[in-house]
C-alpha atoms as a PDB file:
ATOM      1  CA  UNK A   1      15.078 329.541 209.728  1.00  0.00           C
ATOM      2  CA  UNK A   2      16.971 326.299 210.300  1.00  0.00           C
ATOM      3  CA  UNK A   3      20.464 326.224 211.757  1.00  0.00           C
ATOM      4  CA  UNK A   4      21.778 325.217 208.327  1.00  0.00           C
ATOM      5  CA  UNK A   5      20.041 328.093 206.532  1.00  0.00           C
ATOM      6  CA  UNK A   6      21.153 330.547 209.201  1.00  0.00           C
ATOM      7  CA  UNK A   7      24.778 329.429 208.959  1.00  0.00           C
ATOM      8  CA  UNK A   8      24.823 329.899 205.182  1.00  0.00           C
ATOM      9  CA  UNK A   9      23.159 333.300 205.524  1.00  0.00           C
ATOM     10  CA  UNK A  10      25.775 334.378 208.058  1.00  0.00           C
ATOM     11  CA  UNK A  11      28.611 333.130 205.859  1.00  0.00           C
ATOM     12  CA  UNK A  12      27.218 334.894 202.811  1.00  0.00           C
ATOM     13  CA  UNK A  13      26.928 338.151 204.721  1.00  0.00           C
ATOM     14  CA  UNK A  14      30.542 337.788 205.836  1.00  0.00           C
ATOM     15  CA  UNK A  15      31.725 336.964 202.311  1.00  0.00           C
ATOM     16  CA  UNK A  16      32.947 333.520 203.336  1.00  0.00           C
ATOM     17  CA  UNK A  17      32.501 330.018 201.978  1.00  0.00           C
ATOM     18  CA  UNK A  18      31.323 327.063 204.041  1.00  0.00           C
ATOM     19  CA  UNK A  19      33.637 324.298 205.157  1.00  0.00           C
ATOM     20  CA  UNK A  20      31.657 321.092 205.670  1.00  0.00           C
ATOM     21  CA  UNK A  21      33.306 318.077 207.262  1.00  0.00           C
ATOM     22  CA  UNK A  22      32.301 314.417 207.187  1.00  0.00           C
ATOM     23  CA  UNK A  23      33.139 311.678 209.683  1.00  0.00           C
ATOM     24  CA  UNK A  24      31.656 308.229 210.244  1.00  0.00           C
ATOM     25  CA  UNK A  25      30.081 307.924 213.691  1.00  0.00           C
ATOM     26  CA  UNK A  26      31.972 305.375 215.777  1.00  0.00           C
ATOM     27  CA  UNK A  27      35.050 305.300 213.545  1.00  0.00           C
ATOM     28  CA  UNK A  28      37.680 304.357 214.496  1.00  0.00           C
ATOM     29  CA  UNK A  29      36.315 304.185 218.055  1.00  0.00           C
ATOM     30  CA  UNK A  30      33.003 305.342 219.538  1.00  0.00           C
ATOM     31  CA  UNK A  31      34.817 307.320 222.239  1.00  0.00           C
ATOM     32  CA  UNK A  32      36.551 309.478 219.633  1.00  0.00           C
ATOM     33  CA  UNK A  33      33.534 310.696 217.685  1.00  0.00           C
ATOM     34  CA  UNK A  34      32.157 313.498 219.853  1.00  0.00           C
ATOM     35  CA  UNK A  35      35.545 314.959 220.844  1.00  0.00           C
ATOM     36  CA  UNK A  36      36.546 314.827 217.171  1.00  0.00           C
ATOM     37  CA  UNK A  37      33.434 316.772 216.152  1.00  0.00           C
ATOM     38  CA  UNK A  38      34.308 319.503 218.649  1.00  0.00           C
ATOM     39  CA  UNK A  39      37.902 319.555 217.417  1.00  0.00           C
ATOM     40  CA  UNK A  40      36.735 320.005 213.823  1.00  0.00           C
ATOM     41  CA  UNK A  41      34.506 322.912 214.796  1.00  0.00           C
ATOM     42  CA  UNK A  42      37.405 324.517 216.658  1.00  0.00           C
ATOM     43  CA  UNK A  43      39.552 324.054 213.534  1.00  0.00           C
ATOM     44  CA  UNK A  44      37.077 325.900 211.305  1.00  0.00           C
ATOM     45  CA  UNK A  45      34.254 323.571 210.298  1.00  0.00           C
ATOM     46  CA  UNK A  46      30.998 325.427 209.609  1.00  0.00           C
ATOM     47  CA  UNK A  47      28.730 322.414 209.127  1.00  0.00           C
ATOM     48  CA  UNK A  48      29.197 318.818 210.297  1.00  0.00           C
ATOM     49  CA  UNK A  49      28.094 315.719 208.398  1.00  0.00           C
ATOM     50  CA  UNK A  50      27.937 312.574 210.504  1.00  0.00           C
ATOM     51  CA  UNK A  51      27.902 309.325 208.579  1.00  0.00           C
ATOM     52  CA  UNK A  52      25.488 306.663 209.821  1.00  0.00           C
ATOM     53  CA  UNK A  53      27.288 303.292 209.548  1.00  0.00           C
ATOM     54  CA  UNK A  54      25.779 300.968 206.960  1.00  0.00           C
ATOM     55  CA  UNK A  55      26.706 297.518 205.705  1.00  0.00           C
ATOM     56  CA  UNK A  56      26.569 298.459 202.005  1.00  0.00           C
ATOM     57  CA  UNK A  57      27.744 302.081 201.597  1.00  0.00           C
ATOM     58  CA  UNK A  58      27.596 301.908 197.817  1.00  0.00           C
ATOM     59  CA  UNK A  59      28.519 305.512 197.015  1.00  0.00           C
ATOM     60  CA  UNK A  60      31.654 305.460 199.153  1.00  0.00           C
ATOM     61  CA  UNK A  61      35.217 304.751 198.129  1.00  0.00           C
ATOM     62  CA  UNK A  62      37.556 302.360 199.962  1.00  0.00           C
ATOM     63  CA  UNK A  63      38.548 304.864 202.677  1.00  0.00           C
ATOM     64  CA  UNK A  64      35.022 305.596 203.890  1.00  0.00           C
ATOM     65  CA  UNK A  65      33.874 302.021 203.290  1.00  0.00           C
ATOM     66  CA  UNK A  66      36.513 300.895 205.768  1.00  0.00           C
ATOM     67  CA  UNK A  67      35.269 303.573 208.165  1.00  0.00           C
ATOM     68  CA  UNK A  68      31.758 302.100 207.959  1.00  0.00           C
ATOM     69  CA  UNK A  69      33.180 298.614 208.535  1.00  0.00           C
ATOM     70  CA  UNK A  70      35.099 299.725 211.632  1.00  0.00           C
ATOM     71  CA  UNK A  71      32.044 301.500 213.028  1.00  0.00           C
ATOM     72  CA  UNK A  72      29.849 298.437 212.492  1.00  0.00           C
ATOM     73  CA  UNK A  73      32.483 296.287 214.186  1.00  0.00           C
ATOM     74  CA  UNK A  74      32.089 298.688 217.106  1.00  0.00           C
ATOM     75  CA  UNK A  75      28.324 297.926 217.012  1.00  0.00           C
ATOM     76  CA  UNK A  76      27.308 301.500 216.165  1.00  0.00           C
ATOM     77  CA  UNK A  77      23.720 301.816 215.004  1.00  0.00           C
ATOM     78  CA  UNK A  78      21.423 304.742 214.226  1.00  0.00           C
ATOM     79  CA  UNK A  79      20.272 305.201 217.818  1.00  0.00           C
ATOM     80  CA  UNK A  80      23.913 305.278 218.941  1.00  0.00           C
ATOM     81  CA  UNK A  81      24.579 308.017 216.389  1.00  0.00           C
ATOM     82  CA  UNK A  82      21.671 310.049 217.765  1.00  0.00           C
ATOM     83  CA  UNK A  83      23.089 309.652 221.267  1.00  0.00           C
ATOM     84  CA  UNK A  84      26.410 311.020 220.019  1.00  0.00           C
ATOM     85  CA  UNK A  85      24.624 314.012 218.512  1.00  0.00           C
ATOM     86  CA  UNK A  86      22.877 314.647 221.836  1.00  0.00           C
ATOM     87  CA  UNK A  87      26.226 314.560 223.614  1.00  0.00           C
ATOM     88  CA  UNK A  88      27.709 316.958 221.028  1.00  0.00           C
ATOM     89  CA  UNK A  89      24.810 319.369 221.565  1.00  0.00           C
ATOM     90  CA  UNK A  90      25.529 319.578 225.301  1.00  0.00           C
ATOM     91  CA  UNK A  91      28.523 321.792 224.475  1.00  0.00           C
ATOM     92  CA  UNK A  92      27.661 323.083 221.001  1.00  0.00           C
ATOM     93  CA  UNK A  93      24.123 324.360 220.439  1.00  0.00           C
ATOM     94  CA  UNK A  94      25.012 326.321 217.310  1.00  0.00           C
ATOM     95  CA  UNK A  95      26.947 324.315 214.710  1.00  0.00           C
ATOM     96  CA  UNK A  96      24.627 322.826 212.058  1.00  0.00           C
ATOM     97  CA  UNK A  97      24.809 319.041 211.972  1.00  0.00           C
ATOM     98  CA  UNK A  98      23.251 316.622 209.505  1.00  0.00           C
ATOM     99  CA  UNK A  99      23.188 312.861 209.198  1.00  0.00           C
ATOM    100  CA  UNK A 100      24.402 311.318 205.946  1.00  0.00           C
ATOM    101  CA  UNK A 101      23.706 307.747 205.065  1.00  0.00           C
ATOM    102  CA  UNK A 102      21.341 305.263 203.502  1.00  0.00           C
ATOM    103  CA  UNK A 103      17.617 304.708 203.667  1.00  0.00           C
ATOM    104  CA  UNK A 104      17.509 301.333 205.407  1.00  0.00           C
ATOM    105  CA  UNK A 105      18.302 302.421 208.995  1.00  0.00           C
ATOM    106  CA  UNK A 106      15.830 305.320 208.806  1.00  0.00           C
ATOM    107  CA  UNK A 107      13.096 303.177 207.271  1.00  0.00           C
ATOM    108  CA  UNK A 108      13.703 300.492 209.895  1.00  0.00           C
ATOM    109  CA  UNK A 109      13.165 303.014 212.682  1.00  0.00           C
ATOM    110  CA  UNK A 110      10.170 304.500 210.865  1.00  0.00           C
ATOM    111  CA  UNK A 111      10.059 308.002 209.415  1.00  0.00           C
ATOM    112  CA  UNK A 112       7.923 309.590 212.165  1.00  0.00           C
ATOM    113  CA  UNK A 113       9.969 308.004 214.966  1.00  0.00           C
ATOM    114  CA  UNK A 114      13.224 308.960 213.273  1.00  0.00           C
ATOM    115  CA  UNK A 115      12.182 312.572 212.753  1.00  0.00           C
ATOM    116  CA  UNK A 116      11.115 312.938 216.381  1.00  0.00           C
ATOM    117  CA  UNK A 117      14.253 311.294 217.758  1.00  0.00           C
ATOM    118  CA  UNK A 118      16.596 313.162 215.418  1.00  0.00           C
ATOM    119  CA  UNK A 119      15.245 316.640 216.134  1.00  0.00           C
ATOM    120  CA  UNK A 120      15.250 315.888 219.874  1.00  0.00           C
ATOM    121  CA  UNK A 121      18.929 314.909 219.609  1.00  0.00           C
ATOM    122  CA  UNK A 122      19.760 318.122 217.760  1.00  0.00           C
ATOM    123  CA  UNK A 123      20.031 316.963 214.152  1.00  0.00           C
ATOM    124  CA  UNK A 124      19.387 319.716 211.596  1.00  0.00           C
ATOM    125  CA  UNK A 125      19.208 317.780 208.350  1.00  0.00           C
ATOM    126  CA  UNK A 126      19.279 314.440 206.594  1.00  0.00           C
ATOM    127  CA  UNK A 127      21.030 313.291 203.427  1.00  0.00           C
ATOM    128  CA  UNK A 128      20.014 309.826 202.287  1.00  0.00           C
ATOM    129  CA  UNK A 129      22.156 308.791 199.354  1.00  0.00           C
ATOM    130  CA  UNK A 130      19.800 306.171 197.931  1.00  0.00           C
ATOM    131  CA  UNK A 131      16.401 307.891 198.153  1.00  0.00           C
ATOM    132  CA  UNK A 132      15.487 309.410 194.756  1.00  0.00           C
ATOM    133  CA  UNK A 133      13.306 312.531 194.602  1.00  0.00           C
ATOM    134  CA  UNK A 134      10.438 310.473 193.202  1.00  0.00           C
ATOM    135  CA  UNK A 135      10.265 308.500 196.465  1.00  0.00           C
ATOM    136  CA  UNK A 136      10.965 311.198 199.027  1.00  0.00           C
ATOM    137  CA  UNK A 137       7.432 312.386 199.824  1.00  0.00           C
ATOM    138  CA  UNK A 138       6.952 310.375 203.026  1.00  0.00           C
ATOM    139  CA  UNK A 139      10.276 311.235 204.622  1.00  0.00           C
ATOM    140  CA  UNK A 140      10.048 314.857 203.487  1.00  0.00           C
ATOM    141  CA  UNK A 141       6.670 315.203 205.161  1.00  0.00           C
ATOM    142  CA  UNK A 142       8.105 314.051 208.481  1.00  0.00           C
ATOM    143  CA  UNK A 143      11.240 316.173 208.209  1.00  0.00           C
ATOM    144  CA  UNK A 144       9.198 319.280 207.446  1.00  0.00           C
ATOM    145  CA  UNK A 145       6.957 318.504 210.417  1.00  0.00           C
ATOM    146  CA  UNK A 146       9.904 318.824 212.793  1.00  0.00           C
ATOM    147  CA  UNK A 147      11.776 321.552 210.895  1.00  0.00           C
ATOM    148  CA  UNK A 148      14.659 319.451 209.553  1.00  0.00           C
ATOM    149  CA  UNK A 149      16.270 320.032 206.171  1.00  0.00           C
ATOM    150  CA  UNK A 150      16.472 317.385 203.458  1.00  0.00           C
ATOM    151  CA  UNK A 151      19.766 317.576 201.584  1.00  0.00           C
ATOM    152  CA  UNK A 152      20.061 316.102 198.087  1.00  0.00           C
ATOM    153  CA  UNK A 153      22.968 315.001 195.941  1.00  0.00           C
ATOM    154  CA  UNK A 154      23.329 316.087 192.332  1.00  0.00           C
ATOM    155  CA  UNK A 155      25.900 314.336 190.157  1.00  0.00           C
ATOM    156  CA  UNK A 156      27.685 315.301 186.926  1.00  0.00           C
ATOM    157  CA  UNK A 157      25.506 312.727 185.183  1.00  0.00           C
ATOM    158  CA  UNK A 158      22.180 314.128 186.453  1.00  0.00           C
ATOM    159  CA  UNK A 159      20.049 314.955 183.391  1.00  0.00           C
ATOM    160  CA  UNK A 160      18.879 318.529 182.939  1.00  0.00           C
ATOM    161  CA  UNK A 161      15.253 317.427 183.208  1.00  0.00           C
ATOM    162  CA  UNK A 162      15.818 316.041 186.722  1.00  0.00           C
ATOM    163  CA  UNK A 163      17.490 319.103 188.218  1.00  0.00           C
ATOM    164  CA  UNK A 164      14.269 320.951 189.054  1.00  0.00           C
ATOM    165  CA  UNK A 165      12.688 317.756 190.368  1.00  0.00           C
ATOM    166  CA  UNK A 166      15.568 317.399 192.834  1.00  0.00           C
ATOM    167  CA  UNK A 167      15.930 321.048 193.833  1.00  0.00           C
ATOM    168  CA  UNK A 168      12.180 321.418 194.386  1.00  0.00           C
ATOM    169  CA  UNK A 169      12.382 318.738 197.098  1.00  0.00           C
ATOM    170  CA  UNK A 170      15.573 320.022 198.725  1.00  0.00           C
ATOM    171  CA  UNK A 171      16.220 322.440 201.571  1.00  0.00           C
ATOM    172  CA  UNK A 172      19.313 323.614 203.436  1.00  0.00           C
ATOM    173  CA  UNK A 173      21.788 323.277 200.581  1.00  0.00           C
ATOM    174  CA  UNK A 174      22.548 321.205 197.495  1.00  0.00           C
ATOM    175  CA  UNK A 175      25.451 318.761 197.603  1.00  0.00           C
ATOM    176  CA  UNK A 176      27.096 318.561 194.182  1.00  0.00           C
ATOM    177  CA  UNK A 177      29.184 315.437 193.605  1.00  0.00           C
ATOM    178  CA  UNK A 178      32.131 316.767 191.645  1.00  0.00           C
ATOM    179  CA  UNK A 179      33.339 313.436 190.262  1.00  0.00           C
ATOM    180  CA  UNK A 180      31.829 310.440 188.564  1.00  0.00           C
ATOM    181  CA  UNK A 181      32.300 307.414 190.806  1.00  0.00           C
ATOM    182  CA  UNK A 182      32.746 307.015 194.538  1.00  0.00           C
ATOM    183  CA  UNK A 183      34.107 309.227 197.299  1.00  0.00           C
ATOM    184  CA  UNK A 184      37.839 309.789 197.385  1.00  0.00           C
ATOM    185  CA  UNK A 185      38.428 309.087 193.685  1.00  0.00           C
ATOM    186  CA  UNK A 186      39.739 311.063 190.735  1.00  0.00           C
ATOM    187  CA  UNK A 187      40.929 314.592 190.131  1.00  0.00           C
ATOM    188  CA  UNK A 188      38.875 317.771 190.044  1.00  0.00           C
ATOM    189  CA  UNK A 189      38.104 319.631 186.836  1.00  0.00           C
ATOM    190  CA  UNK A 190      37.151 323.070 188.177  1.00  0.00           C
ATOM    191  CA  UNK A 191      35.893 324.365 184.829  1.00  0.00           C
ATOM    192  CA  UNK A 192      33.543 321.400 184.556  1.00  0.00           C
ATOM    193  CA  UNK A 193      32.404 321.868 188.167  1.00  0.00           C
ATOM    194  CA  UNK A 194      31.694 325.548 187.483  1.00  0.00           C
ATOM    195  CA  UNK A 195      29.603 324.685 184.421  1.00  0.00           C
ATOM    196  CA  UNK A 196      27.500 322.219 186.395  1.00  0.00           C
ATOM    197  CA  UNK A 197      27.010 324.636 189.278  1.00  0.00           C
ATOM    198  CA  UNK A 198      25.695 327.225 186.825  1.00  0.00           C
ATOM    199  CA  UNK A 199      23.102 324.707 185.621  1.00  0.00           C
ATOM    200  CA  UNK A 200      22.049 323.943 189.196  1.00  0.00           C
ATOM    201  CA  UNK A 201      21.798 327.603 190.180  1.00  0.00           C
ATOM    202  CA  UNK A 202      19.357 328.232 187.365  1.00  0.00           C
ATOM    203  CA  UNK A 203      16.999 325.890 189.228  1.00  0.00           C
ATOM    204  CA  UNK A 204      17.457 326.966 192.847  1.00  0.00           C
ATOM    205  CA  UNK A 205      18.531 329.738 195.172  1.00  0.00           C
ATOM    206  CA  UNK A 206      19.874 327.249 197.720  1.00  0.00           C
ATOM    207  CA  UNK A 207      23.612 327.267 198.416  1.00  0.00           C
ATOM    208  CA  UNK A 208      25.480 324.709 196.328  1.00  0.00           C
ATOM    209  CA  UNK A 209      28.376 322.887 197.990  1.00  0.00           C
ATOM    210  CA  UNK A 210      30.867 320.555 196.360  1.00  0.00           C
ATOM    211  CA  UNK A 211      32.247 317.285 197.668  1.00  0.00           C
ATOM    212  CA  UNK A 212      34.339 314.330 196.404  1.00  0.00           C
ATOM    213  CA  UNK A 213      37.968 314.939 195.472  1.00  0.00           C
ATOM    214  CA  UNK A 214      38.764 317.706 197.985  1.00  0.00           C
ATOM    215  CA  UNK A 215      41.874 316.579 199.801  1.00  0.00           C
ATOM    216  CA  UNK A 216      43.960 319.620 200.714  1.00  0.00           C
ATOM    217  CA  UNK A 217      44.105 323.408 200.852  1.00  0.00           C
ATOM    218  CA  UNK A 218      44.764 323.779 197.127  1.00  0.00           C
ATOM    219  CA  UNK A 219      41.807 321.689 195.964  1.00  0.00           C
ATOM    220  CA  UNK A 220      39.539 323.311 198.556  1.00  0.00           C
ATOM    221  CA  UNK A 221      40.570 326.810 197.472  1.00  0.00           C
ATOM    222  CA  UNK A 222      39.952 325.965 193.819  1.00  0.00           C
ATOM    223  CA  UNK A 223      36.448 324.692 194.563  1.00  0.00           C
ATOM    224  CA  UNK A 224      35.679 327.640 196.846  1.00  0.00           C
ATOM    225  CA  UNK A 225      36.173 329.984 193.902  1.00  0.00           C
ATOM    226  CA  UNK A 226      33.035 328.591 192.253  1.00  0.00           C
ATOM    227  CA  UNK A 227      30.984 326.964 195.043  1.00  0.00           C
ATOM    228  CA  UNK A 228      29.219 328.169 198.188  1.00  0.00           C
ATOM    229  CA  UNK A 229      31.004 325.557 200.255  1.00  0.00           C
ATOM    230  CA  UNK A 230      33.345 322.576 200.151  1.00  0.00           C
ATOM    231  CA  UNK A 231      32.899 319.148 201.724  1.00  0.00           C
ATOM    232  CA  UNK A 232      35.893 317.243 203.095  1.00  0.00           C
ATOM    233  CA  UNK A 233      35.385 313.585 203.958  1.00  0.00           C
ATOM    234  CA  UNK A 234      37.797 310.902 202.801  1.00  0.00           C
ATOM    235  CA  UNK A 235      40.884 312.955 203.633  1.00  0.00           C
ATOM    236  CA  UNK A 236      39.737 313.413 207.241  1.00  0.00           C
ATOM    237  CA  UNK A 237      38.629 309.805 207.691  1.00  0.00           C
ATOM    238  CA  UNK A 238      41.958 308.618 206.306  1.00  0.00           C
ATOM    239  CA  UNK A 239      44.014 310.986 208.456  1.00  0.00           C
ATOM    240  CA  UNK A 240      42.355 309.850 211.698  1.00  0.00           C
ATOM    241  CA  UNK A 241      42.476 306.153 210.786  1.00  0.00           C
ATOM    242  CA  UNK A 242      46.161 306.328 209.866  1.00  0.00           C
ATOM    243  CA  UNK A 243      47.097 307.890 213.218  1.00  0.00           C
ATOM    244  CA  UNK A 244      45.188 305.259 215.204  1.00  0.00           C
ATOM    245  CA  UNK A 245      46.499 302.407 213.039  1.00  0.00           C
ATOM    246  CA  UNK A 246      50.024 303.701 213.627  1.00  0.00           C
ATOM    247  CA  UNK A 247      49.617 303.465 217.387  1.00  0.00           C
ATOM    248  CA  UNK A 248      48.605 307.068 218.036  1.00  0.00           C
ATOM    249  CA  UNK A 249      46.144 307.952 220.749  1.00  0.00           C
ATOM    250  CA  UNK A 250      42.890 309.900 220.625  1.00  0.00           C
ATOM    251  CA  UNK A 251      44.591 313.237 221.225  1.00  0.00           C
ATOM    252  CA  UNK A 252      47.056 312.669 218.380  1.00  0.00           C
ATOM    253  CA  UNK A 253      44.264 311.637 216.001  1.00  0.00           C
ATOM    254  CA  UNK A 254      42.234 314.759 216.779  1.00  0.00           C
ATOM    255  CA  UNK A 255      45.314 316.949 216.433  1.00  0.00           C
ATOM    256  CA  UNK A 256      46.114 315.473 213.027  1.00  0.00           C
ATOM    257  CA  UNK A 257      42.546 315.977 211.798  1.00  0.00           C
ATOM    258  CA  UNK A 258      42.419 319.520 213.122  1.00  0.00           C
ATOM    259  CA  UNK A 259      45.753 320.347 211.484  1.00  0.00           C
ATOM    260  CA  UNK A 260      44.492 319.185 208.097  1.00  0.00           C
ATOM    261  CA  UNK A 261      41.271 321.109 208.517  1.00  0.00           C
ATOM    262  CA  UNK A 262      43.049 324.321 209.472  1.00  0.00           C
ATOM    263  CA  UNK A 263      45.108 324.061 206.294  1.00  0.00           C
ATOM    264  CA  UNK A 264      41.946 323.600 204.258  1.00  0.00           C
ATOM    265  CA  UNK A 265      40.196 326.443 206.086  1.00  0.00           C
ATOM    266  CA  UNK A 266      43.147 328.715 205.323  1.00  0.00           C
ATOM    267  CA  UNK A 267      43.019 327.759 201.659  1.00  0.00           C
ATOM    268  CA  UNK A 268      39.307 328.506 201.431  1.00  0.00           C
ATOM    269  CA  UNK A 269      39.586 331.820 203.238  1.00  0.00           C
ATOM    270  CA  UNK A 270      42.650 332.923 201.242  1.00  0.00           C
ATOM    271  CA  UNK A 271      40.650 332.779 198.035  1.00  0.00           C
ATOM    272  CA  UNK A 272      38.230 335.345 199.437  1.00  0.00           C
ATOM    273  CA  UNK A 273      40.775 337.405 201.323  1.00  0.00           C
ATOM    274  CA  UNK A 274      39.360 336.532 204.752  1.00  0.00           C
ATOM    275  CA  UNK A 275      41.233 335.339 207.798  1.00  0.00           C
ATOM    276  CA  UNK A 276      41.021 331.736 208.913  1.00  0.00           C
ATOM    277  CA  UNK A 277      38.517 330.963 211.637  1.00  0.00           C
END
């Protein structure tokens, strides 16, 4: 069982919902990334998503796009991200961690080389936004060879006929995009999210987590009532960037991110009557 599958099994047994956090590797500075990951775990994160900087992050809103731009200005590339994961694993062998990004950097490295390097670094899964299920066979073969999960996105606009095609290729969990558009946009319609999750669950037994539009404890708690986990990205990226842009130091940025995450963790746990981590 992968680290991701084990974490969801443990959470289910405890009657808790997963809190998944997203940061862009190297944003706003390379030196901040690994300490920030540890701070997020300490604040209650169950699974970590690390964004691989890319020049055309087409599914991202302005907040995360700027994070990618800052990371690229810091010359962060895929191999640098893997080095950060290795450093993270020196102190944390347990927290599931996946890379989220776009196909180009992985294809440039080569699927076999990427799979070997990623599993050696301690990566548990991969989510490539722009690889459709019809074209995933080669990368899936390499990920399965090394025991890594392949995480897929499902959107509100995904046709019914494509759901099984996607879920049949997926492992770890399903990432449901709660809003039409890019990250950080719009307002959540929980009834609509619940309806879509019911459709997805008819096709898979994998946990289904919801991202896009989760900004605070209230929105996280609302999503946690219907999902197996919530994903927080833009709000964290924005919080850290604002502190640094305002002249704050690394410690202040981590403290601000951790404070936000603790609030969100409390909101999620309150909906199930459990104590915050």
